[in-house]
Amino acid sequence: MNRIATDGLRLAVAASFALLAFGCDAASSVKIYTKDAAPPTPKVEDLALTDTIICHGITWKLSEKARVGQFVNGDYYVVGPVTVSEIAPAPEGGRNQSVLNLPVNTAGASPFDDRVTGGRGKNGQPLRAKLPVSMKPGDALISSISVEPRSLPDFLRPPDKNISPVGSVSVLTCLAEPVPPDAFRPSYCDRGQKIYLARNLRRELLPKLSRDGVRMKYDFGDLSLDMFVKAYERPWLDVCFFNFDAAAMYQPQYARELGRAAGMSTLLLMLDFKPAEKESLLIGVVQRGIDLWGIARAGYSGWQAHGGHGSGRKLPIVFAGIMLGDEDMQTPTKKYPKLLFGEDMQTIFAKGWTGAKAVYAGHVGVKGEKDWGPYEHLPPAQWPGSLGENYRRCCTSLAWVGQALALRILHAEKLWDHDAFFVYVDRWMTEDDTEHVAEIKKAKGWDYSADYTRGRQCWDPFVEDMWAKYRNKLPAAPDGHKTPPAEETWK
C-alpha cells in the first residue's frame, strides 16, 4: 500500500486507505460535502497502490498492484484494467459466487448461490464469474457471502427468518480514472457509470420536523437512524423477483418490508436531527435510489404488482432524484412510461362499493383475472375470491403510508405521477371500515374484524404518529407553493 504523502491531499488520501486493512465498514467521521466545500479529485498517483481490497467480509486479490479509491458510501473502485485473481470467501460448490456485470433480465433466477431457485427459474450458473476475472473500466464485480437459509432474522421483521441463502454482497467497480471522494458509486447495473456527487445533494429541501410526540418505534422495537445506516451501507440486490437472493444480513426478504424501510428511512431524514447525524443515512438512501435507477435504465421491466412483492422501489428513486436534482430520476415513469411499480399498479380511480373513488386494483393490478384483478368496484357478494382483500389488508396498504407521507411532505406528488396512490392511502387511513367488515363477513364469511386486519393504521408506530402529526399540517414547500395531487379526497 502506498503511504507516501507529499502534501495535504496525499496525507488525507493515504490516511483514508489505511482502512483497506479493515474493510468498508471501518468508516471515519462523517463529512458533509457541499458545493462550497467540494473536495478535489485526486490524481491517480495519489490513490493507494495495493493488490488486496477488503470490503464487508469480501477480499479481492489482484494479480498486480493497482490504484484503488473509495466512493462516498464507502465502497471501493479500482482504476483499470485489472485482473482479480482470488476472492474470499472462495466460490465453491455453488456458494459465495460472484458476478461480473449483473444483467437485469435473469428470468427470476440468481447466480449468487445455487440454492436460490424458490421453485422458479434456473440457478443462474452461466452468469457466475470464473477466476481469474478480467475487469475493464465500466465493469462492476459483485461478490457474495453465503449463509444458511432461515438462519438470520429478517430486517424489520425479526421474528421471521430470512429465506435467502445470500448473506451479504459487496461491489468492486472498475473506473478509467479517479473520482472525487464525494462521488456516489454508480449503480452496479450501469455500464455507462453515471457519477453523482454528494456536493450536489439539495439538503435544504429536507424539513426539520419536530420529533415531539412521535414514538421512535417500529413494529418490533426501537427505531433509530443507525439501524437504517447499517442496513443501507451495503448493496441491496433487486433483479431477482420475489427477492429470493436478498442480502439476508441486512436486506428484507419481502417487499412489504422494502416499502416500510423506504418510508421510515425517508421520514427520518425529515426530522430535526443534526445534519451530521443524518448524513450517513442520506448517503445510504440516495445510493439505494441510484442503484435502482441504474437497474431501470439498464432495461429492467420494473417491480410489478404481485401481492406485496412490487412495493418499495419507486420512492428511493424519486427521492434520490429530488436530492440530486436529476429530473429524469425524480420522474421515473415519465422517462420510462412502461416501468412498473407495485404501488401504482395496485391503486386506481374507480367507483368503489364503499363510496370511495380510489380503490385497490387487485393482487397483480387491472390486468389480473378472477380474484387476481380488480374487485372493489363490486359488492362483496360478487367478489370472485379473497386474495385481493387479504393482501390489501396484510401486505400493501399498511406499508405504503410512510411512503405517501414522505412524498407529501416533500410536495412531490406530481413527480410521483400517480394521483390514485395518494388518494387511496388517504382513504386507507381515514375510512371507517366497521360496517364494511361486517358486510364482507355477511356476504362471504370472511372475517376481517381482527385488529391487525383493519384499516386506519400503519404497520409501525413511528409512521402512525408521523401521519397523525403531519398529514394535515404539511410544512411549506421551499418555494412557498404547495403542489397537491389532482384529487384531494378519497370520497
Protein backbone atom coordinates (compact mmCIF):
# COMPACT_ATOMS: atom_id res chain seq x y z
CA MET A 1 0.00 0.00 0.00
CA ASN A 2 1.33 3.43 -0.93
CA ARG A 3 1.72 5.50 2.22
CA ILE A 4 3.95 8.22 0.76
CA ALA A 5 2.37 11.64 1.09
CA THR A 6 3.99 14.89 0.00
CA ASP A 7 1.11 17.29 0.57
CA GLY A 8 -2.18 17.60 2.47
CA LEU A 9 -4.22 15.82 -0.17
CA ARG A 10 -1.92 12.82 -0.27
CA LEU A 11 -1.85 12.67 3.51
CA ALA A 12 -5.66 12.62 3.63
CA VAL A 13 -5.92 10.01 0.88
CA ALA A 14 -3.26 7.80 2.40
CA ALA A 15 -4.90 8.02 5.82
CA SER A 16 -8.28 7.04 4.41
CA PHE A 17 -6.80 3.99 2.72
CA ALA A 18 -5.30 2.70 5.92
CA LEU A 19 -8.86 1.39 6.25
CA LEU A 20 -8.21 -1.11 3.47
CA ALA A 21 -6.81 -3.48 6.05
CA PHE A 22 -10.13 -3.48 7.90
CA GLY A 23 -12.72 -3.06 5.16
CA CYS A 24 -15.52 -0.76 4.07
CA ASP A 25 -17.23 -0.80 7.42
CA ALA A 26 -14.30 0.87 9.22
CA ALA A 27 -15.64 4.30 8.35
CA SER A 28 -14.10 7.55 9.50
CA SER A 29 -16.00 10.57 10.80
CA VAL A 30 -18.92 11.82 8.71
CA LYS A 31 -18.13 14.56 6.21
CA ILE A 32 -20.74 16.76 4.62
CA TYR A 33 -19.63 17.73 1.14
CA THR A 34 -21.16 20.84 -0.38
CA LYS A 35 -20.52 22.96 -3.46
CA ASP A 36 -18.80 25.49 -1.22
CA ALA A 37 -16.63 22.78 0.28
CA ALA A 38 -16.15 20.48 -2.69
CA PRO A 39 -13.23 18.08 -2.38
CA PRO A 40 -10.61 17.95 -5.14
CA THR A 41 -10.37 14.99 -7.48
CA PRO A 42 -7.22 13.06 -6.62
CA LYS A 43 -4.58 12.33 -9.21
CA VAL A 44 -4.15 8.68 -9.98
CA GLU A 45 -0.78 8.64 -8.23
CA ASP A 46 -2.47 9.96 -5.09
CA LEU A 47 -4.57 6.81 -4.76
CA ALA A 48 -3.48 3.87 -2.68
CA LEU A 49 -1.42 1.26 -4.51
CA THR A 50 -2.43 -2.21 -3.38
CA ASP A 51 -3.18 -5.72 -4.55
CA THR A 52 -5.68 -6.52 -1.77
CA ILE A 53 -9.07 -4.93 -1.16
CA ILE A 54 -11.33 -5.90 1.74
CA CYS A 55 -14.96 -4.85 1.95
CA HIS A 56 -17.59 -6.16 4.40
CA GLY A 57 -16.05 -9.61 4.64
CA ILE A 58 -15.14 -9.92 0.95
CA THR A 59 -11.47 -9.94 -0.04
CA TRP A 60 -10.44 -9.32 -3.65
CA LYS A 61 -6.85 -10.22 -4.52
CA LEU A 62 -5.47 -8.57 -7.65
CA SER A 63 -2.85 -10.16 -9.87
CA GLU A 64 -0.85 -6.93 -9.70
CA LYS A 65 -0.98 -3.83 -7.56
CA ALA A 66 -3.39 -1.20 -8.80
CA ARG A 67 -4.65 2.22 -7.77
CA VAL A 68 -7.70 2.00 -5.53
CA GLY A 69 -10.16 4.72 -4.50
CA GLN A 70 -13.25 4.94 -2.38
CA PHE A 71 -16.77 6.25 -3.09
CA VAL A 72 -18.63 8.43 -0.64
CA ASN A 73 -20.68 5.47 0.60
CA GLY A 74 -17.54 3.50 1.48
CA ASP A 75 -17.43 1.10 -1.50
CA TYR A 76 -14.18 0.76 -3.42
CA TYR A 77 -13.18 1.27 -7.01
CA VAL A 78 -10.06 0.26 -8.86
CA VAL A 79 -8.51 2.15 -11.76
CA GLY A 80 -8.34 -0.42 -14.52
CA PRO A 81 -7.91 -2.56 -16.36
CA VAL A 82 -7.11 -5.07 -13.62
CA THR A 83 -7.40 -8.80 -13.00
CA VAL A 84 -8.95 -10.27 -9.85
CA SER A 85 -7.04 -13.46 -9.20
CA GLU A 86 -8.62 -14.60 -5.93
CA ILE A 87 -11.81 -13.94 -3.98
CA ALA A 88 -12.52 -14.85 -0.37
CA PRO A 89 -14.71 -16.45 0.80
CA ALA A 90 -13.82 -18.68 -2.10
CA PRO A 91 -16.57 -19.52 -4.60
CA GLU A 92 -17.13 -23.23 -4.19
CA GLY A 93 -19.94 -25.75 -4.54
CA GLY A 94 -22.46 -23.18 -5.71
CA ARG A 95 -21.79 -20.90 -2.71
CA ASN A 96 -20.14 -17.46 -2.36
CA GLN A 97 -20.48 -16.74 -6.05
CA SER A 98 -19.51 -13.55 -7.90
CA VAL A 99 -21.00 -11.93 -10.99
CA LEU A 100 -19.31 -9.57 -13.40
CA ASN A 101 -21.81 -7.03 -14.79
CA LEU A 102 -25.06 -8.42 -13.39
CA PRO A 103 -27.72 -8.38 -16.12
CA VAL A 104 -31.18 -7.12 -15.25
CA ASN A 105 -33.08 -9.90 -17.00
CA THR A 106 -32.24 -13.12 -15.19
CA ALA A 107 -35.56 -14.93 -15.71
CA GLY A 108 -36.23 -14.91 -11.99
CA ALA A 109 -33.02 -16.75 -11.19
CA SER A 110 -29.97 -15.69 -9.23
CA PRO A 111 -26.33 -16.61 -9.81
CA PHE A 112 -25.08 -15.94 -6.27
CA ASP A 113 -26.00 -19.25 -4.62
CA ASP A 114 -27.30 -22.43 -6.22
CA ARG A 115 -30.00 -22.70 -3.55
CA VAL A 116 -31.66 -19.57 -4.94
CA THR A 117 -34.40 -21.05 -7.03
CA GLY A 118 -37.55 -20.68 -4.97
CA GLY A 119 -39.08 -23.20 -7.31
CA ARG A 120 -38.73 -20.67 -10.15
CA GLY A 121 -36.17 -20.39 -12.90
CA LYS A 122 -32.68 -21.82 -13.12
CA ASN A 123 -29.85 -21.26 -10.68
CA GLY A 124 -28.09 -18.71 -12.86
CA GLN A 125 -24.87 -20.71 -13.17
CA PRO A 126 -23.85 -19.28 -16.59
CA LEU A 127 -23.78 -15.79 -15.06
CA ARG A 128 -21.19 -16.67 -12.45
CA ALA A 129 -17.75 -15.18 -12.79
CA LYS A 130 -14.85 -17.59 -13.11
CA LEU A 131 -11.45 -16.74 -11.73
CA PRO A 132 -9.34 -15.02 -12.82
CA VAL A 133 -11.75 -12.14 -13.56
CA SER A 134 -10.55 -9.50 -16.01
CA MET A 135 -12.06 -6.08 -15.34
CA LYS A 136 -12.02 -3.00 -17.54
CA PRO A 137 -13.48 0.47 -16.96
CA GLY A 138 -17.27 0.18 -16.96
CA ASP A 139 -17.29 -3.16 -15.13
CA ALA A 140 -18.71 -3.97 -11.71
CA LEU A 141 -17.93 -7.19 -9.86
CA ILE A 142 -20.49 -8.24 -7.22
CA SER A 143 -19.21 -10.84 -4.77
CA SER A 144 -21.35 -12.61 -2.18
CA ILE A 145 -21.12 -14.41 1.13
CA SER A 146 -23.45 -17.38 1.52
CA VAL A 147 -25.33 -18.28 4.69
CA GLU A 148 -27.76 -20.97 5.71
CA PRO A 149 -31.33 -20.12 4.66
CA ARG A 150 -33.59 -19.13 7.55
CA SER A 151 -30.59 -18.65 9.84
CA LEU A 152 -30.88 -14.85 10.17
CA PRO A 153 -33.70 -12.64 11.47
CA ASP A 154 -35.41 -10.69 8.70
CA PHE A 155 -34.76 -6.94 8.80
CA LEU A 156 -37.82 -5.09 10.23
CA ARG A 157 -39.49 -8.46 10.85
CA PRO A 158 -37.11 -10.22 13.28
CA PRO A 159 -39.50 -13.00 14.39
CA ASP A 160 -39.31 -14.25 10.78
CA LYS A 161 -36.17 -15.82 9.37
CA ASN A 162 -34.89 -14.59 6.02
CA ILE A 163 -35.19 -17.39 3.47
CA SER A 164 -32.29 -16.20 1.31
CA PRO A 165 -29.02 -18.16 1.28
CA VAL A 166 -27.18 -14.98 0.23
CA GLY A 167 -25.96 -13.20 3.34
CA SER A 168 -24.14 -10.14 2.01
CA VAL A 169 -22.78 -8.68 -1.21
CA SER A 170 -20.02 -6.20 -1.98
CA VAL A 171 -19.34 -4.35 -5.22
CA LEU A 172 -15.93 -3.62 -6.74
CA THR A 173 -16.19 -1.06 -9.53
CA CYS A 174 -13.60 -0.55 -12.26
CA LEU A 175 -13.14 3.06 -13.42
CA ALA A 176 -10.94 4.64 -16.05
CA GLU A 177 -9.74 7.42 -13.74
CA PRO A 178 -10.13 8.67 -10.17
CA VAL A 179 -13.29 10.39 -9.00
CA PRO A 180 -13.63 12.90 -6.14
CA PRO A 181 -14.24 11.45 -2.67
CA ASP A 182 -17.86 12.69 -2.67
CA ALA A 183 -18.74 10.56 -5.72
CA PHE A 184 -21.50 8.01 -5.28
CA ARG A 185 -20.84 4.52 -6.58
CA PRO A 186 -22.50 4.13 -9.98
CA SER A 187 -25.29 1.59 -9.99
CA TYR A 188 -23.98 -1.94 -10.24
CA CYS A 189 -26.12 -2.42 -13.38
CA ASP A 190 -24.99 0.84 -15.01
CA ARG A 191 -22.34 0.10 -17.59
CA GLY A 192 -22.18 3.79 -18.53
CA GLN A 193 -21.18 4.52 -14.92
CA LYS A 194 -23.04 7.79 -14.38
CA ILE A 195 -21.37 9.57 -11.48
CA TYR A 196 -23.38 11.61 -8.99
CA LEU A 197 -21.73 13.84 -6.39
CA ALA A 198 -22.74 14.36 -2.77
CA ARG A 199 -21.86 18.05 -3.04
CA ASN A 200 -24.98 18.42 -5.21
CA LEU A 201 -27.39 16.99 -2.63
CA ARG A 202 -30.16 19.50 -2.05
CA ARG A 203 -30.28 19.07 1.70
CA GLU A 204 -32.18 22.35 2.04
CA LEU A 205 -35.28 20.56 0.71
CA LEU A 206 -35.39 18.36 3.81
CA PRO A 207 -37.54 19.90 6.56
CA LYS A 208 -36.52 19.70 10.20
CA LEU A 209 -39.76 18.43 11.69
CA SER A 210 -40.10 18.10 15.45
CA ARG A 211 -39.91 14.65 16.97
CA ASP A 212 -42.04 15.70 19.93
CA GLY A 213 -44.89 13.26 20.42
CA VAL A 214 -43.56 10.85 17.81
CA ARG A 215 -42.79 7.35 19.01
CA MET A 216 -39.39 6.26 17.76
CA LYS A 217 -40.61 2.71 17.46
CA TYR A 218 -41.08 0.26 14.64
CA ASP A 219 -43.26 -2.80 15.00
CA PHE A 220 -40.68 -4.87 16.88
CA GLY A 221 -38.52 -2.40 18.77
CA ASP A 222 -36.76 0.92 18.94
CA LEU A 223 -36.28 2.91 15.76
CA SER A 224 -33.04 4.79 15.10
CA LEU A 225 -31.04 6.41 12.36
CA ASP A 226 -28.25 3.92 12.98
CA MET A 227 -30.33 0.82 12.25
CA PHE A 228 -31.02 2.15 8.75
CA VAL A 229 -27.46 3.42 8.27
CA LYS A 230 -26.23 -0.13 8.86
CA ALA A 231 -28.91 -1.57 6.56
CA TYR A 232 -28.09 0.78 3.67
CA GLU A 233 -24.29 0.75 3.93
CA ARG A 234 -24.13 -2.38 1.76
CA PRO A 235 -25.79 -3.01 -1.63
CA TRP A 236 -29.29 -4.47 -1.85
CA LEU A 237 -29.95 -6.95 -4.67
CA ASP A 238 -33.09 -6.30 -6.70
CA VAL A 239 -33.26 -8.06 -10.07
CA CYS A 240 -34.43 -11.49 -8.82
CA PHE A 241 -38.18 -11.08 -8.38
CA PHE A 242 -39.60 -12.27 -5.04
CA ASN A 243 -36.19 -11.33 -3.52
CA PHE A 244 -35.07 -14.93 -3.23
CA ASP A 245 -31.47 -13.66 -3.13
CA ALA A 246 -31.96 -10.70 -0.78
CA ALA A 247 -28.80 -10.00 1.24
CA ALA A 248 -30.12 -11.59 4.40
CA MET A 249 -27.75 -9.89 6.85
CA TYR A 250 -29.38 -6.51 6.24
CA GLN A 251 -31.96 -6.58 3.40
CA PRO A 252 -35.62 -7.52 3.93
CA GLN A 253 -36.74 -10.59 2.03
CA TYR A 254 -40.31 -9.41 1.40
CA ALA A 255 -41.06 -6.16 -0.42
CA ARG A 256 -43.70 -5.16 2.11
CA GLU A 257 -40.71 -4.51 4.36
CA LEU A 258 -38.90 -2.76 1.49
CA GLY A 259 -41.84 -0.35 1.43
CA ARG A 260 -41.73 0.11 5.18
CA ALA A 261 -37.97 0.70 5.03
CA ALA A 262 -38.30 3.24 2.22
CA GLY A 263 -40.98 5.17 4.08
CA MET A 264 -39.39 5.17 7.52
CA SER A 265 -35.83 5.92 6.38
CA THR A 266 -37.00 8.85 4.25
CA LEU A 267 -39.20 10.23 7.04
CA LEU A 268 -36.28 10.02 9.48
CA LEU A 269 -34.32 12.32 7.18
CA MET A 270 -37.06 14.94 7.55
CA LEU A 271 -36.81 15.16 11.34
CA ASP A 272 -34.89 17.62 13.48
CA PHE A 273 -31.71 15.61 13.85
CA LYS A 274 -28.48 17.50 13.32
CA PRO A 275 -27.18 17.44 9.72
CA ALA A 276 -24.12 15.41 10.71
CA GLU A 277 -26.37 12.84 12.39
CA LYS A 278 -28.40 12.36 9.21
CA GLU A 279 -25.65 12.48 6.59
CA SER A 280 -24.70 8.79 6.60
CA LEU A 281 -28.33 7.76 6.24
CA LEU A 282 -28.87 10.33 3.49
CA ILE A 283 -25.90 8.90 1.59
CA GLY A 284 -27.22 5.35 2.01
CA VAL A 285 -30.77 6.12 0.94
CA VAL A 286 -29.61 8.09 -2.11
CA GLN A 287 -27.20 5.29 -3.07
CA ARG A 288 -30.12 2.85 -2.90
CA GLY A 289 -32.06 5.08 -5.28
CA ILE A 290 -29.09 5.34 -7.65
CA ASP A 291 -28.78 1.54 -7.72
CA LEU A 292 -32.47 1.08 -8.50
CA TRP A 293 -32.42 3.81 -11.13
CA GLY A 294 -29.46 2.12 -12.81
CA ILE A 295 -31.43 -1.13 -12.91
CA ALA A 296 -34.33 0.69 -14.58
CA ARG A 297 -32.04 2.48 -17.06
CA ALA A 298 -30.48 -0.87 -17.97
CA GLY A 299 -33.85 -2.07 -19.30
CA TYR A 300 -35.46 -3.80 -16.34
CA SER A 301 -39.24 -4.01 -16.67
CA GLY A 302 -39.72 -2.90 -13.09
CA TRP A 303 -41.23 -4.23 -9.89
CA GLN A 304 -44.72 -5.27 -10.89
CA ALA A 305 -47.65 -5.77 -8.58
CA HIS A 306 -47.83 -9.23 -7.07
CA GLY A 307 -49.28 -9.02 -3.60
CA GLY A 308 -46.69 -7.11 -1.57
CA HIS A 309 -43.73 -8.02 -3.79
CA GLY A 310 -43.77 -4.92 -6.01
CA SER A 311 -43.55 -2.27 -3.29
CA GLY A 312 -40.76 -0.06 -2.02
CA ARG A 313 -38.64 0.74 -5.10
CA LYS A 314 -40.19 3.87 -6.56
CA LEU A 315 -39.72 6.12 -3.54
CA PRO A 316 -35.92 5.63 -3.28
CA ILE A 317 -35.61 6.50 -6.97
CA VAL A 318 -37.83 9.59 -6.75
CA PHE A 319 -36.19 10.73 -3.51
CA ALA A 320 -32.66 10.34 -4.90
CA GLY A 321 -33.73 12.26 -7.99
CA ILE A 322 -35.10 15.09 -5.86
CA MET A 323 -31.99 15.26 -3.70
CA LEU A 324 -29.66 15.22 -6.72
CA GLY A 325 -31.79 17.47 -8.93
CA ASP A 326 -31.97 14.80 -11.64
CA GLU A 327 -35.25 15.42 -13.50
CA ASP A 328 -35.35 12.02 -15.17
CA MET A 329 -34.71 10.15 -11.93
CA GLN A 330 -37.27 12.12 -9.94
CA THR A 331 -39.98 11.33 -12.52
CA PRO A 332 -39.14 7.72 -13.45
CA THR A 333 -42.45 6.82 -15.08
CA LYS A 334 -42.31 9.87 -17.33
CA LYS A 335 -38.85 8.88 -18.54
CA TYR A 336 -39.87 5.21 -18.83
CA PRO A 337 -43.68 5.01 -19.18
CA LYS A 338 -43.63 1.20 -19.18
CA LEU A 339 -41.61 0.94 -15.96
CA LEU A 340 -43.68 -0.97 -13.40
CA PHE A 341 -44.15 -0.27 -9.70
CA GLY A 342 -46.50 -2.23 -7.45
CA GLU A 343 -47.92 0.80 -5.61
CA ASP A 344 -49.12 2.33 -8.88
CA MET A 345 -50.41 -0.89 -10.40
CA GLN A 346 -52.49 -1.65 -7.32
CA THR A 347 -54.20 1.76 -6.93
CA ILE A 348 -56.71 3.16 -9.42
CA PHE A 349 -59.55 5.64 -9.63
CA ALA A 350 -62.90 3.84 -9.79
CA LYS A 351 -66.25 3.99 -8.03
CA GLY A 352 -65.88 1.59 -5.13
CA TRP A 353 -68.60 -0.30 -3.31
CA THR A 354 -67.86 1.67 -0.10
CA GLY A 355 -68.32 5.01 -1.86
CA ALA A 356 -64.60 5.60 -2.31
CA LYS A 357 -63.25 6.82 -5.64
CA ALA A 358 -59.77 5.35 -5.19
CA VAL A 359 -59.72 1.58 -4.90
CA TYR A 360 -57.35 -1.32 -4.63
CA ALA A 361 -56.73 -2.75 -8.11
CA GLY A 362 -56.06 -6.30 -7.00
CA HIS A 363 -53.24 -8.76 -6.49
CA VAL A 364 -51.49 -8.01 -9.80
CA GLY A 365 -53.44 -4.92 -10.86
CA VAL A 366 -56.05 -4.21 -13.51
CA LYS A 367 -54.93 -6.97 -15.87
CA GLY A 368 -55.43 -9.69 -13.29
CA GLU A 369 -58.13 -12.27 -13.85
CA LYS A 370 -60.65 -13.55 -11.34
CA ASP A 371 -59.50 -12.73 -7.80
CA TRP A 372 -56.08 -11.57 -9.06
CA GLY A 373 -57.56 -8.37 -10.51
CA PRO A 374 -59.91 -5.51 -9.54
CA TYR A 375 -62.83 -6.32 -7.27
CA GLU A 376 -63.62 -3.28 -5.09
CA HIS A 377 -65.96 -1.87 -7.75
CA LEU A 378 -68.26 -4.80 -6.97
CA PRO A 379 -70.29 -5.50 -3.82
CA PRO A 380 -68.67 -8.22 -1.67
CA ALA A 381 -71.26 -10.80 -2.67
CA GLN A 382 -69.85 -10.64 -6.21
CA TRP A 383 -66.18 -10.86 -5.32
CA PRO A 384 -64.53 -13.81 -7.09
CA GLY A 385 -62.26 -14.61 -4.15
CA SER A 386 -60.48 -13.25 -1.08
CA LEU A 387 -56.95 -12.92 -2.49
CA GLY A 388 -57.13 -9.21 -3.26
CA GLU A 389 -58.74 -8.18 0.02
CA ASN A 390 -56.36 -10.37 2.01
CA TYR A 391 -53.32 -8.68 0.54
CA ARG A 392 -54.91 -5.23 0.68
CA ARG A 393 -55.14 -5.62 4.42
CA CYS A 394 -51.97 -7.57 5.26
CA CYS A 395 -49.20 -6.68 2.90
CA THR A 396 -49.65 -3.49 0.92
CA SER A 397 -51.72 -0.64 2.36
CA LEU A 398 -50.03 -0.63 5.76
CA ALA A 399 -46.59 -0.41 4.14
CA TRP A 400 -47.48 2.45 1.77
CA VAL A 401 -48.41 5.08 4.35
CA GLY A 402 -44.88 6.19 5.20
CA GLN A 403 -44.01 6.49 1.53
CA ALA A 404 -47.06 8.59 0.71
CA LEU A 405 -46.50 10.86 3.71
CA ALA A 406 -42.82 11.40 2.84
CA LEU A 407 -43.75 12.42 -0.69
CA ARG A 408 -46.46 14.79 0.55
CA ILE A 409 -44.01 16.41 2.99
CA LEU A 410 -41.65 16.97 0.05
CA HIS A 411 -44.57 18.23 -2.10
CA ALA A 412 -43.51 15.63 -4.66
CA GLU A 413 -46.92 14.25 -5.61
CA LYS A 414 -46.65 15.46 -9.20
CA LEU A 415 -43.21 13.91 -9.55
CA TRP A 416 -44.63 10.57 -8.45
CA ASP A 417 -47.18 10.98 -11.26
CA HIS A 418 -49.89 8.64 -9.99
CA ASP A 419 -52.55 10.52 -8.03
CA ALA A 420 -54.59 7.43 -7.19
CA PHE A 421 -51.82 6.22 -4.89
CA PHE A 422 -52.09 9.26 -2.61
CA VAL A 423 -55.88 9.31 -2.64
CA TYR A 424 -56.00 5.61 -1.85
CA VAL A 425 -53.59 5.95 1.10
CA ASP A 426 -55.70 8.81 2.47
CA ARG A 427 -58.71 6.55 2.19
CA TRP A 428 -56.92 3.70 3.97
CA MET A 429 -56.00 5.99 6.86
CA THR A 430 -59.39 7.72 7.27
CA GLU A 431 -62.18 5.40 6.08
CA ASP A 432 -64.09 3.69 8.89
CA ASP A 433 -64.36 0.09 7.72
CA THR A 434 -66.50 -1.19 10.63
CA GLU A 435 -69.66 -1.61 8.55
CA HIS A 436 -67.66 -2.81 5.55
CA VAL A 437 -66.02 -5.62 7.54
CA ALA A 438 -69.46 -6.70 8.74
CA GLU A 439 -70.85 -6.65 5.19
CA ILE A 440 -67.96 -8.76 3.87
CA LYS A 441 -68.46 -11.33 6.62
CA LYS A 442 -72.20 -11.45 5.95
CA ALA A 443 -71.75 -11.87 2.20
CA LYS A 444 -68.73 -14.18 2.07
CA GLY A 445 -67.99 -15.39 5.59
CA TRP A 446 -64.51 -13.85 5.57
CA ASP A 447 -63.69 -12.28 8.91
CA TYR A 448 -61.52 -9.14 8.87
CA SER A 449 -62.52 -7.98 12.35
CA ALA A 450 -59.14 -8.69 13.99
CA ASP A 451 -57.24 -5.55 14.93
CA TYR A 452 -54.31 -6.34 12.62
CA THR A 453 -56.58 -6.59 9.56
CA ARG A 454 -58.32 -3.27 10.00
CA GLY A 455 -57.82 -0.01 8.16
CA ARG A 456 -56.85 3.36 9.66
CA GLN A 457 -53.50 2.05 10.87
CA CYS A 458 -49.87 1.67 9.79
CA TRP A 459 -47.52 -1.22 10.32
CA ASP A 460 -45.20 0.87 12.51
CA PRO A 461 -45.96 3.23 15.44
CA PHE A 462 -43.46 5.78 14.10
CA VAL A 463 -45.36 6.13 10.84
CA GLU A 464 -48.72 6.29 12.60
CA ASP A 465 -47.51 9.18 14.75
CA MET A 466 -45.91 10.99 11.85
CA TRP A 467 -49.16 10.68 9.89
CA ALA A 468 -51.26 11.93 12.78
CA LYS A 469 -48.96 14.88 13.37
CA TYR A 470 -48.08 15.98 9.84
CA ARG A 471 -50.53 14.67 7.23
CA ASN A 472 -52.81 17.66 7.69
CA LYS A 473 -50.05 20.02 8.76
CA LEU A 474 -47.51 19.73 5.97
CA PRO A 475 -44.52 22.05 6.05
CA ALA A 476 -44.46 24.76 3.41
CA ALA A 477 -42.71 23.91 0.19
CA PRO A 478 -39.30 25.59 -0.13
CA ASP A 479 -40.64 27.91 -2.84
CA GLY A 480 -43.82 28.62 -0.90
CA HIS A 481 -46.09 26.81 -3.34
CA LYS A 482 -47.97 23.65 -2.45
CA THR A 483 -48.38 21.16 -5.29
CA PRO A 484 -51.12 18.71 -4.25
CA PRO A 485 -52.29 15.84 -6.43
CA ALA A 486 -55.19 16.46 -8.77
CA GLU A 487 -57.52 14.58 -6.44
CA GLU A 488 -57.52 15.85 -2.84
CA THR A 489 -60.02 13.50 -1.20
CA TRP A 490 -60.96 9.85 -1.50
CA LYS A 491 -64.73 10.41 -1.35
